[in-house]
Amino acid sequence: MRPIRKTTLALATLTLLLAGCGTDAGNGKGGAGDSVSPSSPTPTATGCTTRAELGATDSGDTVCLSVGDTIRISLDGTKSRPWKPVAVDGSGLEATNSGIVLLPGDASSAYKAVSAGQVRLSSQRPLCATETGRVSCKGIQEWWVAVEVK
């Protein structure tokens, strides 16, 4: 029987660890164990959904608002995998009070539609916890939603 080299074994172990680290990389849509609420909004003919509250599973969606509507974002993170504050790129939304974030790592924000326009809301967090002396990865989980204000 031929002995396994330490470097080959180390590379195989690292590959498995990194593959396991990336299992959260999806946006939560269509995977095993995901469920769809019967009250989930359905896309309109333009591909938009009308929804007042968004979470991590809504990444990649397009949401349509009317002037005066409010949209709330709540991204549940952890202390070791925190979400960055939600970034706004575009015009048509104005920040409003989103309440209090109680848990470290969460990102919470709210916006009021004030004029017609298009906005991209986005955030990101590490795929893997970063702990000193532990194996970690440099992957990033991105979250974004396109908002159309009419």
C-alpha atoms as a PDB file:
ATOM      1  CA  MET A   1       0.000   0.000   0.000  1.00  0.00           C
ATOM      2  CA  ARG A   2       1.367   3.392  -0.996  1.00  0.00           C
ATOM      3  CA  PRO A   3       1.581   6.061   1.770  1.00  0.00           C
ATOM      4  CA  ILE A   4      -0.394   9.308   1.282  1.00  0.00           C
ATOM      5  CA  ARG A   5       1.724  12.416   1.274  1.00  0.00           C
ATOM      6  CA  LYS A   6       0.990  15.011   3.926  1.00  0.00           C
ATOM      7  CA  THR A   7       0.624  17.827   1.389  1.00  0.00           C
ATOM      8  CA  THR A   8      -1.917  15.858  -0.657  1.00  0.00           C
ATOM      9  CA  LEU A   9      -3.919  15.122   2.472  1.00  0.00           C
ATOM     10  CA  ALA A  10      -3.707  18.757   3.588  1.00  0.00           C
ATOM     11  CA  LEU A  11      -4.885  20.008   0.180  1.00  0.00           C
ATOM     12  CA  ALA A  12      -7.790  17.559   0.146  1.00  0.00           C
ATOM     13  CA  THR A  13      -8.815  18.643   3.648  1.00  0.00           C
ATOM     14  CA  LEU A  14      -8.587  22.330   2.747  1.00  0.00           C
ATOM     15  CA  THR A  15     -10.680  21.767  -0.395  1.00  0.00           C
ATOM     16  CA  LEU A  16     -13.397  20.046   1.630  1.00  0.00           C
ATOM     17  CA  LEU A  17     -13.386  22.801   4.247  1.00  0.00           C
ATOM     18  CA  LEU A  18     -13.705  25.532   1.633  1.00  0.00           C
ATOM     19  CA  ALA A  19     -16.459  23.649  -0.175  1.00  0.00           C
ATOM     20  CA  GLY A  20     -18.366  23.326   3.097  1.00  0.00           C
ATOM     21  CA  CYS A  21     -17.806  26.997   3.842  1.00  0.00           C
ATOM     22  CA  GLY A  22     -19.510  28.006   0.618  1.00  0.00           C
ATOM     23  CA  THR A  23     -22.753  26.148   1.237  1.00  0.00           C
ATOM     24  CA  ASP A  24     -24.417  29.377   2.418  1.00  0.00           C
ATOM     25  CA  ALA A  25     -23.443  31.205  -0.759  1.00  0.00           C
ATOM     26  CA  GLY A  26     -26.815  30.781  -2.407  1.00  0.00           C
ATOM     27  CA  ASN A  27     -29.593  33.285  -2.089  1.00  0.00           C
ATOM     28  CA  GLY A  28     -31.891  30.823  -0.332  1.00  0.00           C
ATOM     29  CA  LYS A  29     -34.167  30.306  -3.328  1.00  0.00           C
ATOM     30  CA  GLY A  30     -35.066  26.866  -4.547  1.00  0.00           C
ATOM     31  CA  GLY A  31     -32.798  24.904  -2.227  1.00  0.00           C
ATOM     32  CA  ALA A  32     -33.788  21.898  -0.193  1.00  0.00           C
ATOM     33  CA  GLY A  33     -35.648  22.870   2.925  1.00  0.00           C
ATOM     34  CA  ASP A  34     -36.745  26.251   1.561  1.00  0.00           C
ATOM     35  CA  SER A  35     -40.426  26.915   1.831  1.00  0.00           C
ATOM     36  CA  VAL A  36     -42.642  29.456   0.194  1.00  0.00           C
ATOM     37  CA  SER A  37     -45.240  31.181   2.288  1.00  0.00           C
ATOM     38  CA  PRO A  38     -48.745  31.038   0.833  1.00  0.00           C
ATOM     39  CA  SER A  39     -48.905  34.818   1.279  1.00  0.00           C
ATOM     40  CA  SER A  40     -45.713  35.404  -0.737  1.00  0.00           C
ATOM     41  CA  PRO A  41     -46.286  38.115  -3.344  1.00  0.00           C
ATOM     42  CA  THR A  42     -46.176  37.064  -6.955  1.00  0.00           C
ATOM     43  CA  PRO A  43     -44.367  39.010  -9.653  1.00  0.00           C
ATOM     44  CA  THR A  44     -46.430  41.423 -11.732  1.00  0.00           C
ATOM     45  CA  ALA A  45     -46.390  41.518 -15.526  1.00  0.00           C
ATOM     46  CA  THR A  46     -43.356  43.832 -15.326  1.00  0.00           C
ATOM     47  CA  GLY A  47     -41.420  41.359 -13.153  1.00  0.00           C
ATOM     48  CA  CYS A  48     -41.844  43.418  -9.981  1.00  0.00           C
ATOM     49  CA  THR A  49     -43.195  42.283  -6.658  1.00  0.00           C
ATOM     50  CA  THR A  50     -44.866  44.578  -4.198  1.00  0.00           C
ATOM     51  CA  ARG A  51     -43.542  43.865  -0.747  1.00  0.00           C
ATOM     52  CA  ALA A  52     -43.152  46.028   2.341  1.00  0.00           C
ATOM     53  CA  GLU A  53     -40.550  43.887   4.148  1.00  0.00           C
ATOM     54  CA  LEU A  54     -37.419  42.276   2.728  1.00  0.00           C
ATOM     55  CA  GLY A  55     -34.974  39.741   4.146  1.00  0.00           C
ATOM     56  CA  ALA A  56     -31.901  37.805   3.051  1.00  0.00           C
ATOM     57  CA  THR A  57     -33.925  35.386   0.896  1.00  0.00           C
ATOM     58  CA  ASP A  58     -35.176  38.262  -1.284  1.00  0.00           C
ATOM     59  CA  SER A  59     -31.751  38.877  -2.837  1.00  0.00           C
ATOM     60  CA  GLY A  60     -31.941  39.485  -6.574  1.00  0.00           C
ATOM     61  CA  ASP A  61     -35.611  40.493  -6.568  1.00  0.00           C
ATOM     62  CA  THR A  62     -37.114  43.594  -8.130  1.00  0.00           C
ATOM     63  CA  VAL A  63     -39.611  45.455  -5.958  1.00  0.00           C
ATOM     64  CA  CYS A  64     -42.037  48.120  -7.195  1.00  0.00           C
ATOM     65  CA  LEU A  65     -43.193  50.926  -4.911  1.00  0.00           C
ATOM     66  CA  SER A  66     -45.503  53.876  -5.314  1.00  0.00           C
ATOM     67  CA  VAL A  67     -44.558  57.305  -3.996  1.00  0.00           C
ATOM     68  CA  GLY A  68     -45.442  57.320  -0.283  1.00  0.00           C
ATOM     69  CA  ASP A  69     -44.800  53.574   0.254  1.00  0.00           C
ATOM     70  CA  THR A  70     -42.261  52.396   2.831  1.00  0.00           C
ATOM     71  CA  ILE A  71     -39.939  49.403   2.499  1.00  0.00           C
ATOM     72  CA  ARG A  72     -38.125  47.751   5.428  1.00  0.00           C
ATOM     73  CA  ILE A  73     -35.017  45.577   5.217  1.00  0.00           C
ATOM     74  CA  SER A  74     -34.047  43.146   7.964  1.00  0.00           C
ATOM     75  CA  LEU A  75     -30.952  41.010   7.403  1.00  0.00           C
ATOM     76  CA  ASP A  76     -30.265  38.554  10.209  1.00  0.00           C
ATOM     77  CA  GLY A  77     -26.544  38.116  10.772  1.00  0.00           C
ATOM     78  CA  THR A  78     -24.304  36.923  13.566  1.00  0.00           C
ATOM     79  CA  LYS A  79     -21.462  38.457  15.538  1.00  0.00           C
ATOM     80  CA  SER A  80     -18.967  36.329  13.573  1.00  0.00           C
ATOM     81  CA  ARG A  81     -20.728  36.906  10.201  1.00  0.00           C
ATOM     82  CA  PRO A  82     -22.143  40.458  10.368  1.00  0.00           C
ATOM     83  CA  TRP A  83     -24.020  42.205   7.552  1.00  0.00           C
ATOM     84  CA  LYS A  84     -22.662  45.585   6.483  1.00  0.00           C
ATOM     85  CA  PRO A  85     -25.129  48.506   6.600  1.00  0.00           C
ATOM     86  CA  VAL A  86     -27.471  48.582   3.601  1.00  0.00           C
ATOM     87  CA  ALA A  87     -26.073  50.776   0.814  1.00  0.00           C
ATOM     88  CA  VAL A  88     -28.327  52.845  -1.461  1.00  0.00           C
ATOM     89  CA  ASP A  89     -27.421  53.579  -5.080  1.00  0.00           C
ATOM     90  CA  GLY A  90     -29.914  55.633  -7.090  1.00  0.00           C
ATOM     91  CA  SER A  91     -32.736  58.064  -6.435  1.00  0.00           C
ATOM     92  CA  GLY A  92     -36.338  57.855  -5.314  1.00  0.00           C
ATOM     93  CA  LEU A  93     -35.938  56.630  -1.724  1.00  0.00           C
ATOM     94  CA  GLU A  94     -35.320  58.532   1.498  1.00  0.00           C
ATOM     95  CA  ALA A  95     -34.076  56.860   4.704  1.00  0.00           C
ATOM     96  CA  THR A  96     -36.604  56.652   7.521  1.00  0.00           C
ATOM     97  CA  ASN A  97     -36.613  55.205  11.043  1.00  0.00           C
ATOM     98  CA  SER A  98     -36.140  51.438  10.911  1.00  0.00           C
ATOM     99  CA  GLY A  99     -36.326  50.787  14.629  1.00  0.00           C
ATOM    100  CA  ILE A 100     -33.647  49.300  16.838  1.00  0.00           C
ATOM    101  CA  VAL A 101     -31.252  46.514  15.852  1.00  0.00           C
ATOM    102  CA  LEU A 102     -31.053  44.227  18.844  1.00  0.00           C
ATOM    103  CA  LEU A 103     -28.568  41.574  17.773  1.00  0.00           C
ATOM    104  CA  PRO A 104     -24.942  42.088  16.739  1.00  0.00           C
ATOM    105  CA  GLY A 105     -24.428  41.363  13.054  1.00  0.00           C
ATOM    106  CA  ASP A 106     -27.933  42.296  11.909  1.00  0.00           C
ATOM    107  CA  ALA A 107     -28.581  45.024   9.357  1.00  0.00           C
ATOM    108  CA  SER A 108     -31.847  46.885   9.521  1.00  0.00           C
ATOM    109  CA  SER A 109     -33.031  49.840   7.466  1.00  0.00           C
ATOM    110  CA  ALA A 110     -36.186  51.449   6.119  1.00  0.00           C
ATOM    111  CA  TYR A 111     -36.848  53.775   3.211  1.00  0.00           C
ATOM    112  CA  LYS A 112     -39.791  55.869   2.075  1.00  0.00           C
ATOM    113  CA  ALA A 113     -40.487  56.254  -1.643  1.00  0.00           C
ATOM    114  CA  VAL A 114     -40.394  60.028  -2.277  1.00  0.00           C
ATOM    115  CA  SER A 115     -40.110  60.330  -6.074  1.00  0.00           C
ATOM    116  CA  ALA A 116     -40.051  58.215  -9.221  1.00  0.00           C
ATOM    117  CA  GLY A 117     -36.727  56.515  -9.790  1.00  0.00           C
ATOM    118  CA  GLN A 118     -34.653  53.354  -9.629  1.00  0.00           C
ATOM    119  CA  VAL A 119     -32.570  52.286  -6.658  1.00  0.00           C
ATOM    120  CA  ARG A 120     -30.283  49.381  -5.876  1.00  0.00           C
ATOM    121  CA  LEU A 121     -30.135  48.390  -2.206  1.00  0.00           C
ATOM    122  CA  SER A 122     -27.199  46.159  -1.256  1.00  0.00           C
ATOM    123  CA  SER A 123     -25.240  44.652   1.611  1.00  0.00           C
ATOM    124  CA  GLN A 124     -22.678  41.933   2.149  1.00  0.00           C
ATOM    125  CA  ARG A 125     -21.195  39.724   4.826  1.00  0.00           C
ATOM    126  CA  PRO A 126     -18.437  37.101   5.133  1.00  0.00           C
ATOM    127  CA  LEU A 127     -19.346  33.569   4.043  1.00  0.00           C
ATOM    128  CA  CYS A 128     -17.337  32.096   6.908  1.00  0.00           C
ATOM    129  CA  ALA A 129     -16.775  33.205  10.459  1.00  0.00           C
ATOM    130  CA  THR A 130     -13.381  34.780  10.981  1.00  0.00           C
ATOM    131  CA  GLU A 131     -11.838  33.462  14.153  1.00  0.00           C
ATOM    132  CA  THR A 132      -8.193  33.767  15.113  1.00  0.00           C
ATOM    133  CA  GLY A 133      -6.363  30.460  14.810  1.00  0.00           C
ATOM    134  CA  ARG A 134      -9.168  28.799  12.793  1.00  0.00           C
ATOM    135  CA  VAL A 135      -9.499  27.932   9.122  1.00  0.00           C
ATOM    136  CA  SER A 136     -11.522  30.616   7.369  1.00  0.00           C
ATOM    137  CA  CYS A 137     -12.370  31.665   3.855  1.00  0.00           C
ATOM    138  CA  LYS A 138     -12.368  35.003   2.077  1.00  0.00           C
ATOM    139  CA  GLY A 139     -15.779  34.517   0.420  1.00  0.00           C
ATOM    140  CA  ILE A 140     -18.442  37.218   0.549  1.00  0.00           C
ATOM    141  CA  GLN A 141     -22.208  36.721   0.533  1.00  0.00           C
ATOM    142  CA  GLU A 142     -23.817  39.549  -1.391  1.00  0.00           C
ATOM    143  CA  TRP A 143     -27.403  40.744  -1.010  1.00  0.00           C
ATOM    144  CA  TRP A 144     -29.114  43.188  -3.352  1.00  0.00           C
ATOM    145  CA  VAL A 145     -32.581  44.254  -4.433  1.00  0.00           C
ATOM    146  CA  ALA A 146     -33.626  46.543  -7.285  1.00  0.00           C
ATOM    147  CA  VAL A 147     -36.383  49.008  -6.361  1.00  0.00           C
ATOM    148  CA  GLU A 148     -38.521  50.831  -8.898  1.00  0.00           C
ATOM    149  CA  VAL A 149     -40.523  53.792  -7.605  1.00  0.00           C
ATOM    150  CA  LYS A 150     -43.435  54.826  -9.824  1.00  0.00           C
END
